[in-house]
Amino acid sequence: YVEMNQTVITIYPHLKISKMYNFSFTEENCQVLEQSLEN
């Protein structure tokens, strides 16, 4: 679990995936980090 700049990235090494959650949004915005982290 990595938290920086109101953003949380959770990295699952065993599954080779990661998800992102941004606190600046009013609702959860989970996405695979292969997509760009706009704004």
PDB file of all heavy atoms in Angstrom:
ATOM      1  N   TYR A   1       0.871  -1.169   0.000  1.00  0.00           N
ATOM      2  CA  TYR A   1       0.000   0.000   0.000  1.00  0.00           C
ATOM      3  C   TYR A   1       0.912   1.224   0.000  1.00  0.00           C
ATOM      4  O   TYR A   1       1.727   1.400   0.900  1.00  0.00           O
ATOM      5  CB  TYR A   1      -0.871  -0.042   1.249  1.00  0.00           C
ATOM      6  CG  TYR A   1      -1.641   1.212   1.575  1.00  0.00           C
ATOM      7  CD1 TYR A   1      -2.982   1.330   1.237  1.00  0.00           C
ATOM      8  CD2 TYR A   1      -1.042   2.268   2.265  1.00  0.00           C
ATOM      9  CE1 TYR A   1      -3.702   2.475   1.567  1.00  0.00           C
ATOM     10  CE2 TYR A   1      -1.754   3.410   2.593  1.00  0.00           C
ATOM     11  CZ  TYR A   1      -3.078   3.507   2.239  1.00  0.00           C
ATOM     12  OH  TYR A   1      -3.786   4.635   2.570  1.00  0.00           O
ATOM     13  N   VAL A   2       0.786   2.059  -1.035  1.00  0.00           N
ATOM     14  CA  VAL A   2       1.619   3.250  -1.156  1.00  0.00           C
ATOM     15  C   VAL A   2       0.698   4.454  -1.241  1.00  0.00           C
ATOM     16  O   VAL A   2      -0.158   4.532  -2.128  1.00  0.00           O
ATOM     17  CB  VAL A   2       2.509   3.188  -2.423  1.00  0.00           C
ATOM     18  CG1 VAL A   2       3.376   4.428  -2.534  1.00  0.00           C
ATOM     19  CG2 VAL A   2       3.358   1.926  -2.415  1.00  0.00           C
ATOM     20  N   GLU A   3       0.858   5.410  -0.315  1.00  0.00           N
ATOM     21  CA  GLU A   3       0.047   6.625  -0.327  1.00  0.00           C
ATOM     22  C   GLU A   3       0.957   7.821  -0.550  1.00  0.00           C
ATOM     23  O   GLU A   3       1.930   8.029   0.172  1.00  0.00           O
ATOM     24  CB  GLU A   3      -0.685   6.776   1.000  1.00  0.00           C
ATOM     25  CG  GLU A   3      -1.588   7.981   1.047  1.00  0.00           C
ATOM     26  CD  GLU A   3      -2.301   8.113   2.385  1.00  0.00           C
ATOM     27  OE1 GLU A   3      -2.574   7.089   3.034  1.00  0.00           O
ATOM     28  OE2 GLU A   3      -2.556   9.261   2.785  1.00  0.00           O
ATOM     29  N   MET A   4       0.654   8.591  -1.611  1.00  0.00           N
ATOM     30  CA  MET A   4       1.379   9.825  -1.935  1.00  0.00           C
ATOM     31  C   MET A   4       0.400  10.802  -2.573  1.00  0.00           C
ATOM     32  O   MET A   4      -0.412  10.397  -3.408  1.00  0.00           O
ATOM     33  CB  MET A   4       2.496   9.561  -2.958  1.00  0.00           C
ATOM     34  CG  MET A   4       3.657   8.751  -2.475  1.00  0.00           C
ATOM     35  SD  MET A   4       4.969   8.696  -3.713  1.00  0.00           S
ATOM     36  CE  MET A   4       4.647   7.116  -4.476  1.00  0.00           C
ATOM     37  N   ASN A   5       0.473  12.060  -2.202  1.00  0.00           N
ATOM     38  CA  ASN A   5      -0.318  13.113  -2.857  1.00  0.00           C
ATOM     39  C   ASN A   5      -1.796  12.774  -2.991  1.00  0.00           C
ATOM     40  O   ASN A   5      -2.365  12.875  -4.059  1.00  0.00           O
ATOM     41  CB  ASN A   5       0.243  13.415  -4.247  1.00  0.00           C
ATOM     42  CG  ASN A   5       1.665  13.885  -4.198  1.00  0.00           C
ATOM     43  OD1 ASN A   5       2.135  14.374  -3.174  1.00  0.00           O
ATOM     44  ND2 ASN A   5       2.381  13.722  -5.295  1.00  0.00           N
ATOM     45  N   GLN A   6      -2.434  12.384  -1.912  1.00  0.00           N
ATOM     46  CA  GLN A   6      -3.857  12.043  -1.881  1.00  0.00           C
ATOM     47  C   GLN A   6      -4.196  10.896  -2.828  1.00  0.00           C
ATOM     48  O   GLN A   6      -5.336  10.758  -3.262  1.00  0.00           O
ATOM     49  CB  GLN A   6      -4.729  13.258  -2.208  1.00  0.00           C
ATOM     50  CG  GLN A   6      -4.608  14.369  -1.193  1.00  0.00           C
ATOM     51  CD  GLN A   6      -5.581  15.489  -1.475  1.00  0.00           C
ATOM     52  OE1 GLN A   6      -5.940  15.760  -2.611  1.00  0.00           O
ATOM     53  NE2 GLN A   6      -6.014  16.144  -0.420  1.00  0.00           N
ATOM     54  N   THR A   7      -3.219  10.093  -3.166  1.00  0.00           N
ATOM     55  CA  THR A   7      -3.438   8.956  -4.050  1.00  0.00           C
ATOM     56  C   THR A   7      -2.888   7.702  -3.384  1.00  0.00           C
ATOM     57  O   THR A   7      -1.808   7.725  -2.811  1.00  0.00           O
ATOM     58  CB  THR A   7      -2.737   9.171  -5.403  1.00  0.00           C
ATOM     59  OG1 THR A   7      -3.213  10.391  -5.983  1.00  0.00           O
ATOM     60  CG2 THR A   7      -3.007   8.034  -6.362  1.00  0.00           C
ATOM     61  N   VAL A   8      -3.645   6.630  -3.468  1.00  0.00           N
ATOM     62  CA  VAL A   8      -3.214   5.340  -2.945  1.00  0.00           C
ATOM     63  C   VAL A   8      -3.036   4.383  -4.104  1.00  0.00           C
ATOM     64  O   VAL A   8      -3.917   4.246  -4.953  1.00  0.00           O
ATOM     65  CB  VAL A   8      -4.248   4.765  -1.942  1.00  0.00           C
ATOM     66  CG1 VAL A   8      -3.881   3.331  -1.566  1.00  0.00           C
ATOM     67  CG2 VAL A   8      -4.328   5.623  -0.710  1.00  0.00           C
ATOM     68  N   ILE A   9      -1.879   3.753  -4.142  1.00  0.00           N
ATOM     69  CA  ILE A   9      -1.611   2.712  -5.124  1.00  0.00           C
ATOM     70  C   ILE A   9      -1.402   1.438  -4.336  1.00  0.00           C
ATOM     71  O   ILE A   9      -0.607   1.401  -3.403  1.00  0.00           O
ATOM     72  CB  ILE A   9      -0.358   3.012  -5.974  1.00  0.00           C
ATOM     73  CG1 ILE A   9      -0.537   4.295  -6.770  1.00  0.00           C
ATOM     74  CG2 ILE A   9      -0.064   1.858  -6.915  1.00  0.00           C
ATOM     75  CD1 ILE A   9       0.118   5.466  -6.158  1.00  0.00           C
ATOM     76  N   THR A  10      -2.132   0.401  -4.680  1.00  0.00           N
ATOM     77  CA  THR A  10      -1.947  -0.896  -4.046  1.00  0.00           C
ATOM     78  C   THR A  10      -1.342  -1.826  -5.081  1.00  0.00           C
ATOM     79  O   THR A  10      -1.907  -2.023  -6.152  1.00  0.00           O
ATOM     80  CB  THR A  10      -3.274  -1.462  -3.518  1.00  0.00           C
ATOM     81  OG1 THR A  10      -3.881  -0.480  -2.669  1.00  0.00           O
ATOM     82  CG2 THR A  10      -3.051  -2.726  -2.723  1.00  0.00           C
ATOM     83  N   ILE A  11      -0.184  -2.380  -4.752  1.00  0.00           N
ATOM     84  CA  ILE A  11       0.539  -3.247  -5.678  1.00  0.00           C
ATOM     85  C   ILE A  11       0.456  -4.671  -5.143  1.00  0.00           C
ATOM     86  O   ILE A  11       0.752  -4.921  -3.972  1.00  0.00           O
ATOM     87  CB  ILE A  11       2.015  -2.811  -5.807  1.00  0.00           C
ATOM     88  CG1 ILE A  11       2.075  -1.351  -6.282  1.00  0.00           C
ATOM     89  CG2 ILE A  11       2.777  -3.730  -6.750  1.00  0.00           C
ATOM     90  CD1 ILE A  11       3.458  -0.736  -6.212  1.00  0.00           C
ATOM     91  N   TYR A  12       0.039  -5.578  -5.991  1.00  0.00           N
ATOM     92  CA  TYR A  12      -0.069  -6.989  -5.646  1.00  0.00           C
ATOM     93  C   TYR A  12       1.005  -7.746  -6.414  1.00  0.00           C
ATOM     94  O   TYR A  12       0.766  -8.205  -7.538  1.00  0.00           O
ATOM     95  CB  TYR A  12      -1.449  -7.526  -6.011  1.00  0.00           C
ATOM     96  CG  TYR A  12      -2.587  -6.792  -5.346  1.00  0.00           C
ATOM     97  CD1 TYR A  12      -3.153  -5.662  -5.935  1.00  0.00           C
ATOM     98  CD2 TYR A  12      -3.093  -7.228  -4.132  1.00  0.00           C
ATOM     99  CE1 TYR A  12      -4.194  -4.987  -5.313  1.00  0.00           C
ATOM    100  CE2 TYR A  12      -4.140  -6.562  -3.516  1.00  0.00           C
ATOM    101  CZ  TYR A  12      -4.685  -5.437  -4.121  1.00  0.00           C
ATOM    102  OH  TYR A  12      -5.711  -4.772  -3.506  1.00  0.00           O
ATOM    103  N   PRO A  13       2.219  -7.873  -5.846  1.00  0.00           N
ATOM    104  CA  PRO A  13       3.314  -8.496  -6.600  1.00  0.00           C
ATOM    105  C   PRO A  13       3.005  -9.915  -7.073  1.00  0.00           C
ATOM    106  O   PRO A  13       3.363 -10.290  -8.182  1.00  0.00           O
ATOM    107  CB  PRO A  13       4.485  -8.501  -5.602  1.00  0.00           C
ATOM    108  CG  PRO A  13       4.170  -7.405  -4.660  1.00  0.00           C
ATOM    109  CD  PRO A  13       2.677  -7.396  -4.551  1.00  0.00           C
ATOM    110  N   HIS A  14       2.333 -10.712  -6.231  1.00  0.00           N
ATOM    111  CA  HIS A  14       2.036 -12.096  -6.603  1.00  0.00           C
ATOM    112  C   HIS A  14       1.132 -12.153  -7.830  1.00  0.00           C
ATOM    113  O   HIS A  14       1.276 -13.011  -8.687  1.00  0.00           O
ATOM    114  CB  HIS A  14       1.395 -12.821  -5.417  1.00  0.00           C
ATOM    115  CG  HIS A  14       1.140 -14.270  -5.652  1.00  0.00           C
ATOM    116  ND1 HIS A  14       2.154 -15.192  -5.794  1.00  0.00           N
ATOM    117  CD2 HIS A  14      -0.015 -14.961  -5.795  1.00  0.00           C
ATOM    118  CE1 HIS A  14       1.633 -16.388  -6.004  1.00  0.00           C
ATOM    119  NE2 HIS A  14       0.319 -16.278  -6.007  1.00  0.00           N
ATOM    120  N   LEU A  15       0.192 -11.206  -7.916  1.00  0.00           N
ATOM    121  CA  LEU A  15      -0.745 -11.170  -9.048  1.00  0.00           C
ATOM    122  C   LEU A  15      -0.230 -10.312 -10.202  1.00  0.00           C
ATOM    123  O   LEU A  15      -0.832 -10.277 -11.256  1.00  0.00           O
ATOM    124  CB  LEU A  15      -2.100 -10.628  -8.584  1.00  0.00           C
ATOM    125  CG  LEU A  15      -2.788 -11.401  -7.470  1.00  0.00           C
ATOM    126  CD1 LEU A  15      -4.046 -10.671  -7.015  1.00  0.00           C
ATOM    127  CD2 LEU A  15      -3.135 -12.806  -7.938  1.00  0.00           C
ATOM    128  N   LYS A  16       0.863  -9.588  -9.971  1.00  0.00           N
ATOM    129  CA  LYS A  16       1.468  -8.711 -10.978  1.00  0.00           C
ATOM    130  C   LYS A  16       0.507  -7.621 -11.446  1.00  0.00           C
ATOM    131  O   LYS A  16       0.472  -7.260 -12.620  1.00  0.00           O
ATOM    132  CB  LYS A  16       1.984  -9.517 -12.170  1.00  0.00           C
ATOM    133  CG  LYS A  16       3.092 -10.487 -11.803  1.00  0.00           C
ATOM    134  CD  LYS A  16       3.549 -11.255 -13.018  1.00  0.00           C
ATOM    135  CE  LYS A  16       4.751 -12.126 -12.775  1.00  0.00           C
ATOM    136  NZ  LYS A  16       4.906 -12.812 -11.553  1.00  0.00           N
ATOM    137  N   ILE A  17      -0.315  -7.101 -10.518  1.00  0.00           N
ATOM    138  CA  ILE A  17      -1.242  -6.018 -10.860  1.00  0.00           C
ATOM    139  C   ILE A  17      -1.165  -4.934  -9.791  1.00  0.00           C
ATOM    140  O   ILE A  17      -0.617  -5.134  -8.713  1.00  0.00           O
ATOM    141  CB  ILE A  17      -2.706  -6.502 -10.989  1.00  0.00           C
ATOM    142  CG1 ILE A  17      -3.214  -7.072  -9.664  1.00  0.00           C
ATOM    143  CG2 ILE A  17      -2.867  -7.476 -12.136  1.00  0.00           C
ATOM    144  CD1 ILE A  17      -4.714  -7.293  -9.639  1.00  0.00           C
ATOM    145  N   SER A  18      -1.737  -3.785 -10.109  1.00  0.00           N
ATOM    146  CA  SER A  18      -1.827  -2.690  -9.161  1.00  0.00           C
ATOM    147  C   SER A  18      -3.112  -1.922  -9.398  1.00  0.00           C
ATOM    148  O   SER A  18      -3.653  -1.928 -10.491  1.00  0.00           O
ATOM    149  CB  SER A  18      -0.637  -1.758  -9.290  1.00  0.00           C
ATOM    150  OG  SER A  18       0.011  -1.925 -10.493  1.00  0.00           O
ATOM    151  N   LYS A  19      -3.595  -1.273  -8.345  1.00  0.00           N
ATOM    152  CA  LYS A  19      -4.817  -0.469  -8.441  1.00  0.00           C
ATOM    153  C   LYS A  19      -4.567   0.875  -7.799  1.00  0.00           C
ATOM    154  O   LYS A  19      -3.755   0.996  -6.892  1.00  0.00           O
ATOM    155  CB  LYS A  19      -5.978  -1.179  -7.752  1.00  0.00           C
ATOM    156  CG  LYS A  19      -6.404  -2.448  -8.465  1.00  0.00           C
ATOM    157  CD  LYS A  19      -7.643  -3.034  -7.860  1.00  0.00           C
ATOM    158  CE  LYS A  19      -8.058  -4.260  -8.657  1.00  0.00           C
ATOM    159  NZ  LYS A  19      -9.259  -4.884  -8.113  1.00  0.00           N
ATOM    160  N   MET A  20      -5.280   1.893  -8.281  1.00  0.00           N
ATOM    161  CA  MET A  20      -5.094   3.248  -7.795  1.00  0.00           C
ATOM    162  C   MET A  20      -6.418   3.804  -7.287  1.00  0.00           C
ATOM    163  O   MET A  20      -7.475   3.537  -7.835  1.00  0.00           O
ATOM    164  CB  MET A  20      -4.581   4.121  -8.944  1.00  0.00           C
ATOM    165  CG  MET A  20      -4.181   5.514  -8.531  1.00  0.00           C
ATOM    166  SD  MET A  20      -5.361   6.828  -8.869  1.00  0.00           S
ATOM    167  CE  MET A  20      -5.754   6.672 -10.557  1.00  0.00           C
ATOM    168  N   TYR A  21      -6.336   4.558  -6.176  1.00  0.00           N
ATOM    169  CA  TYR A  21      -7.491   5.229  -5.602  1.00  0.00           C
ATOM    170  C   TYR A  21      -7.070   6.655  -5.295  1.00  0.00           C
ATOM    171  O   TYR A  21      -6.049   6.873  -4.664  1.00  0.00           O
ATOM    172  CB  TYR A  21      -7.928   4.508  -4.320  1.00  0.00           C
ATOM    173  CG  TYR A  21      -8.977   5.228  -3.529  1.00  0.00           C
ATOM    174  CD1 TYR A  21     -10.316   5.141  -3.875  1.00  0.00           C
ATOM    175  CD2 TYR A  21      -8.637   5.998  -2.428  1.00  0.00           C
ATOM    176  CE1 TYR A  21     -11.290   5.800  -3.140  1.00  0.00           C
ATOM    177  CE2 TYR A  21      -9.600   6.665  -1.688  1.00  0.00           C
ATOM    178  CZ  TYR A  21     -10.921   6.556  -2.051  1.00  0.00           C
ATOM    179  OH  TYR A  21     -11.883   7.212  -1.338  1.00  0.00           O
ATOM    180  N   ASN A  22      -7.844   7.638  -5.778  1.00  0.00           N
ATOM    181  CA  ASN A  22      -7.483   9.030  -5.577  1.00  0.00           C
ATOM    182  C   ASN A  22      -8.457   9.677  -4.606  1.00  0.00           C
ATOM    183  O   ASN A  22      -9.653   9.707  -4.839  1.00  0.00           O
ATOM    184  CB  ASN A  22      -7.498   9.769  -6.922  1.00  0.00           C
ATOM    185  CG  ASN A  22      -6.814  11.108  -6.837  1.00  0.00           C
ATOM    186  OD1 ASN A  22      -6.973  11.829  -5.856  1.00  0.00           O
ATOM    187  ND2 ASN A  22      -6.051  11.437  -7.854  1.00  0.00           N
ATOM    188  N   PHE A  23      -7.927  10.203  -3.472  1.00  0.00           N
ATOM    189  CA  PHE A  23      -8.768  10.830  -2.459  1.00  0.00           C
ATOM    190  C   PHE A  23      -9.398  12.129  -2.942  1.00  0.00           C
ATOM    191  O   PHE A  23     -10.348  12.608  -2.356  1.00  0.00           O
ATOM    192  CB  PHE A  23      -7.955  11.149  -1.200  1.00  0.00           C
ATOM    193  CG  PHE A  23      -7.527   9.940  -0.444  1.00  0.00           C
ATOM    194  CD1 PHE A  23      -6.184   9.726  -0.175  1.00  0.00           C
ATOM    195  CD2 PHE A  23      -8.448   9.011  -0.006  1.00  0.00           C
ATOM    196  CE1 PHE A  23      -5.780   8.620   0.529  1.00  0.00           C
ATOM    197  CE2 PHE A  23      -8.045   7.894   0.704  1.00  0.00           C
ATOM    198  CZ  PHE A  23      -6.708   7.700   0.970  1.00  0.00           C
ATOM    199  N   SER A  24      -8.857  12.744  -3.987  1.00  0.00           N
ATOM    200  CA  SER A  24      -9.394  14.026  -4.428  1.00  0.00           C
ATOM    201  C   SER A  24     -10.713  13.853  -5.180  1.00  0.00           C
ATOM    202  O   SER A  24     -11.430  14.808  -5.401  1.00  0.00           O
ATOM    203  CB  SER A  24      -8.380  14.764  -5.305  1.00  0.00           C
ATOM    204  OG  SER A  24      -8.108  14.023  -6.465  1.00  0.00           O
ATOM    205  N   PHE A  25     -11.039  12.627  -5.580  1.00  0.00           N
ATOM    206  CA  PHE A  25     -12.327  12.368  -6.202  1.00  0.00           C
ATOM    207  C   PHE A  25     -13.332  12.045  -5.118  1.00  0.00           C
ATOM    208  O   PHE A  25     -12.984  11.593  -4.044  1.00  0.00           O
ATOM    209  CB  PHE A  25     -12.249  11.191  -7.189  1.00  0.00           C
ATOM    210  CG  PHE A  25     -11.296  11.424  -8.325  1.00  0.00           C
ATOM    211  CD1 PHE A  25     -10.347  10.475  -8.643  1.00  0.00           C
ATOM    212  CD2 PHE A  25     -11.330  12.598  -9.064  1.00  0.00           C
ATOM    213  CE1 PHE A  25      -9.465  10.684  -9.687  1.00  0.00           C
ATOM    214  CE2 PHE A  25     -10.451  12.809 -10.100  1.00  0.00           C
ATOM    215  CZ  PHE A  25      -9.521  11.850 -10.414  1.00  0.00           C
ATOM    216  N   THR A  26     -14.605  12.261  -5.403  1.00  0.00           N
ATOM    217  CA  THR A  26     -15.616  11.988  -4.392  1.00  0.00           C
ATOM    218  C   THR A  26     -15.951  10.510  -4.325  1.00  0.00           C
ATOM    219  O   THR A  26     -16.530  10.053  -3.362  1.00  0.00           O
ATOM    220  CB  THR A  26     -16.910  12.776  -4.702  1.00  0.00           C
ATOM    221  OG1 THR A  26     -17.327  12.470  -6.032  1.00  0.00           O
ATOM    222  CG2 THR A  26     -16.670  14.265  -4.554  1.00  0.00           C
ATOM    223  N   GLU A  27     -15.639   9.767  -5.357  1.00  0.00           N
ATOM    224  CA  GLU A  27     -15.911   8.334  -5.319  1.00  0.00           C
ATOM    225  C   GLU A  27     -14.659   7.566  -5.713  1.00  0.00           C
ATOM    226  O   GLU A  27     -13.723   8.124  -6.279  1.00  0.00           O
ATOM    227  CB  GLU A  27     -17.071   7.970  -6.246  1.00  0.00           C
ATOM    228  CG  GLU A  27     -16.850   8.354  -7.696  1.00  0.00           C
ATOM    229  CD  GLU A  27     -18.108   8.179  -8.531  1.00  0.00           C
ATOM    230  OE1 GLU A  27     -19.176   8.618  -8.096  1.00  0.00           O
ATOM    231  OE2 GLU A  27     -17.991   7.590  -9.600  1.00  0.00           O
ATOM    232  N   GLU A  28     -14.661   6.313  -5.413  1.00  0.00           N
ATOM    233  CA  GLU A  28     -13.487   5.483  -5.675  1.00  0.00           C
ATOM    234  C   GLU A  28     -13.220   5.388  -7.172  1.00  0.00           C
ATOM    235  O   GLU A  28     -14.123   5.256  -7.979  1.00  0.00           O
ATOM    236  CB  GLU A  28     -13.710   4.084  -5.090  1.00  0.00           C
ATOM    237  CG  GLU A  28     -12.473   3.241  -5.125  1.00  0.00           C
ATOM    238  CD  GLU A  28     -12.648   1.943  -4.370  1.00  0.00           C
ATOM    239  OE1 GLU A  28     -13.484   1.871  -3.468  1.00  0.00           O
ATOM    240  OE2 GLU A  28     -11.935   1.005  -4.722  1.00  0.00           O
ATOM    241  N   ASN A  29     -11.970   5.508  -7.535  1.00  0.00           N
ATOM    242  CA  ASN A  29     -11.565   5.433  -8.925  1.00  0.00           C
ATOM    243  C   ASN A  29     -10.461   4.392  -9.041  1.00  0.00           C
ATOM    244  O   ASN A  29      -9.288   4.719  -9.012  1.00  0.00           O
ATOM    245  CB  ASN A  29     -11.068   6.807  -9.403  1.00  0.00           C
ATOM    246  CG  ASN A  29     -10.576   6.763 -10.832  1.00  0.00           C
ATOM    247  OD1 ASN A  29     -10.941   5.882 -11.597  1.00  0.00           O
ATOM    248  ND2 ASN A  29      -9.730   7.716 -11.190  1.00  0.00           N
ATOM    249  N   CYS A  30     -10.846   3.134  -9.083  1.00  0.00           N
ATOM    250  CA  CYS A  30      -9.854   2.070  -9.172  1.00  0.00           C
ATOM    251  C   CYS A  30      -9.563   1.790 -10.638  1.00  0.00           C
ATOM    252  O   CYS A  30     -10.473   1.678 -11.451  1.00  0.00           O
ATOM    253  CB  CYS A  30     -10.351   0.791  -8.511  1.00  0.00           C
ATOM    254  SG  CYS A  30     -10.348   0.902  -6.720  1.00  0.00           S
ATOM    255  N   GLN A  31      -8.303   1.699 -10.946  1.00  0.00           N
ATOM    256  CA  GLN A  31      -7.926   1.365 -12.317  1.00  0.00           C
ATOM    257  C   GLN A  31      -6.572   0.681 -12.285  1.00  0.00           C
ATOM    258  O   GLN A  31      -5.805   0.855 -11.358  1.00  0.00           O
ATOM    259  CB  GLN A  31      -7.861   2.608 -13.186  1.00  0.00           C
ATOM    260  CG  GLN A  31      -6.856   3.649 -12.711  1.00  0.00           C
ATOM    261  CD  GLN A  31      -6.925   4.907 -13.533  1.00  0.00           C
ATOM    262  OE1 GLN A  31      -7.576   4.947 -14.549  1.00  0.00           O
ATOM    263  NE2 GLN A  31      -6.247   5.936 -13.092  1.00  0.00           N
ATOM    264  N   VAL A  32      -6.319  -0.102 -13.295  1.00  0.00           N
ATOM    265  CA  VAL A  32      -5.018  -0.729 -13.413  1.00  0.00           C
ATOM    266  C   VAL A  32      -4.041   0.352 -13.825  1.00  0.00           C
ATOM    267  O   VAL A  32      -4.341   1.205 -14.652  1.00  0.00           O
ATOM    268  CB  VAL A  32      -5.064  -1.864 -14.456  1.00  0.00           C
ATOM    269  CG1 VAL A  32      -3.686  -2.452 -14.674  1.00  0.00           C
ATOM    270  CG2 VAL A  32      -6.032  -2.948 -13.983  1.00  0.00           C
ATOM    271  N   LEU A  33      -2.856   0.357 -13.242  1.00  0.00           N
ATOM    272  CA  LEU A  33      -1.906   1.447 -13.450  1.00  0.00           C
ATOM    273  C   LEU A  33      -1.312   1.487 -14.842  1.00  0.00           C
ATOM    274  O   LEU A  33      -0.552   2.384 -15.154  1.00  0.00           O
ATOM    275  CB  LEU A  33      -0.781   1.360 -12.420  1.00  0.00           C
ATOM    276  CG  LEU A  33      -1.024   2.145 -11.158  1.00  0.00           C
ATOM    277  CD1 LEU A  33       0.132   1.951 -10.204  1.00  0.00           C
ATOM    278  CD2 LEU A  33      -1.227   3.608 -11.412  1.00  0.00           C
ATOM    279  N   GLU A  34      -1.659   0.534 -15.703  1.00  0.00           N
ATOM    280  CA  GLU A  34      -1.175   0.612 -17.075  1.00  0.00           C
ATOM    281  C   GLU A  34      -1.790   1.839 -17.762  1.00  0.00           C
ATOM    282  O   GLU A  34      -1.246   2.374 -18.700  1.00  0.00           O
ATOM    283  CB  GLU A  34      -1.524  -0.665 -17.838  1.00  0.00           C
ATOM    284  CG  GLU A  34      -0.697  -1.849 -17.378  1.00  0.00           C
ATOM    285  CD  GLU A  34      -1.131  -3.153 -17.993  1.00  0.00           C
ATOM    286  OE1 GLU A  34      -1.994  -3.135 -18.893  1.00  0.00           O
ATOM    287  OE2 GLU A  34      -0.611  -4.197 -17.578  1.00  0.00           O
ATOM    288  N   GLN A  35      -2.948   2.267 -17.282  1.00  0.00           N
ATOM    289  CA  GLN A  35      -3.557   3.489 -17.785  1.00  0.00           C
ATOM    290  C   GLN A  35      -2.827   4.671 -17.169  1.00  0.00           C
ATOM    291  O   GLN A  35      -2.236   4.571 -16.114  1.00  0.00           O
ATOM    292  CB  GLN A  35      -5.038   3.536 -17.404  1.00  0.00           C
ATOM    293  CG  GLN A  35      -5.818   2.339 -17.913  1.00  0.00           C
ATOM    294  CD  GLN A  35      -7.193   2.261 -17.274  1.00  0.00           C
ATOM    295  OE1 GLN A  35      -7.567   3.109 -16.481  1.00  0.00           O
ATOM    296  NE2 GLN A  35      -7.937   1.233 -17.621  1.00  0.00           N
ATOM    297  N   SER A  36      -2.867   5.809 -17.815  1.00  0.00           N
ATOM    298  CA  SER A  36      -2.160   6.974 -17.271  1.00  0.00           C
ATOM    299  C   SER A  36      -2.910   7.525 -16.068  1.00  0.00           C
ATOM    300  O   SER A  36      -4.115   7.403 -15.960  1.00  0.00           O
ATOM    301  CB  SER A  36      -2.042   8.056 -18.342  1.00  0.00           C
ATOM    302  OG  SER A  36      -3.330   8.545 -18.673  1.00  0.00           O
ATOM    303  N   LEU A  37      -2.171   8.128 -15.156  1.00  0.00           N
ATOM    304  CA  LEU A  37      -2.773   8.758 -13.983  1.00  0.00           C
ATOM    305  C   LEU A  37      -2.997  10.224 -14.313  1.00  0.00           C
ATOM    306  O   LEU A  37      -2.211  11.081 -13.955  1.00  0.00           O
ATOM    307  CB  LEU A  37      -1.855   8.607 -12.769  1.00  0.00           C
ATOM    308  CG  LEU A  37      -1.478   7.196 -12.355  1.00  0.00           C
ATOM    309  CD1 LEU A  37      -0.523   7.236 -11.172  1.00  0.00           C
ATOM    310  CD2 LEU A  37      -2.694   6.389 -12.003  1.00  0.00           C
ATOM    311  N   GLU A  38      -4.076  10.524 -15.006  1.00  0.00           N
ATOM    312  CA  GLU A  38      -4.350  11.888 -15.427  1.00  0.00           C
ATOM    313  C   GLU A  38      -4.662  12.764 -14.222  1.00  0.00           C
ATOM    314  O   GLU A  38      -5.195  12.306 -13.233  1.00  0.00           O
ATOM    315  CB  GLU A  38      -5.528  11.899 -16.412  1.00  0.00           C
ATOM    316  CG  GLU A  38      -5.208  11.179 -17.715  1.00  0.00           C
ATOM    317  CD  GLU A  38      -6.396  11.177 -18.662  1.00  0.00           C
ATOM    318  OE1 GLU A  38      -7.264  12.055 -18.523  1.00  0.00           O
ATOM    319  OE2 GLU A  38      -6.434  10.305 -19.522  1.00  0.00           O
ATOM    320  N   ASN A  39      -4.337  14.048 -14.335  1.00  0.00           N
ATOM    321  CA  ASN A  39      -4.574  15.030 -13.277  1.00  0.00           C
ATOM    322  C   ASN A  39      -3.954  14.609 -11.949  1.00  0.00           C
ATOM    323  O   ASN A  39      -4.510  14.840 -10.900  1.00  0.00           O
ATOM    324  CB  ASN A  39      -6.086  15.265 -13.078  1.00  0.00           C
ATOM    325  CG  ASN A  39      -6.746  15.759 -14.349  1.00  0.00           C
ATOM    326  OD1 ASN A  39      -6.140  16.520 -15.103  1.00  0.00           O
ATOM    327  ND2 ASN A  39      -7.960  15.310 -14.595  1.00  0.00           N
TER     328      ASN A  39
END
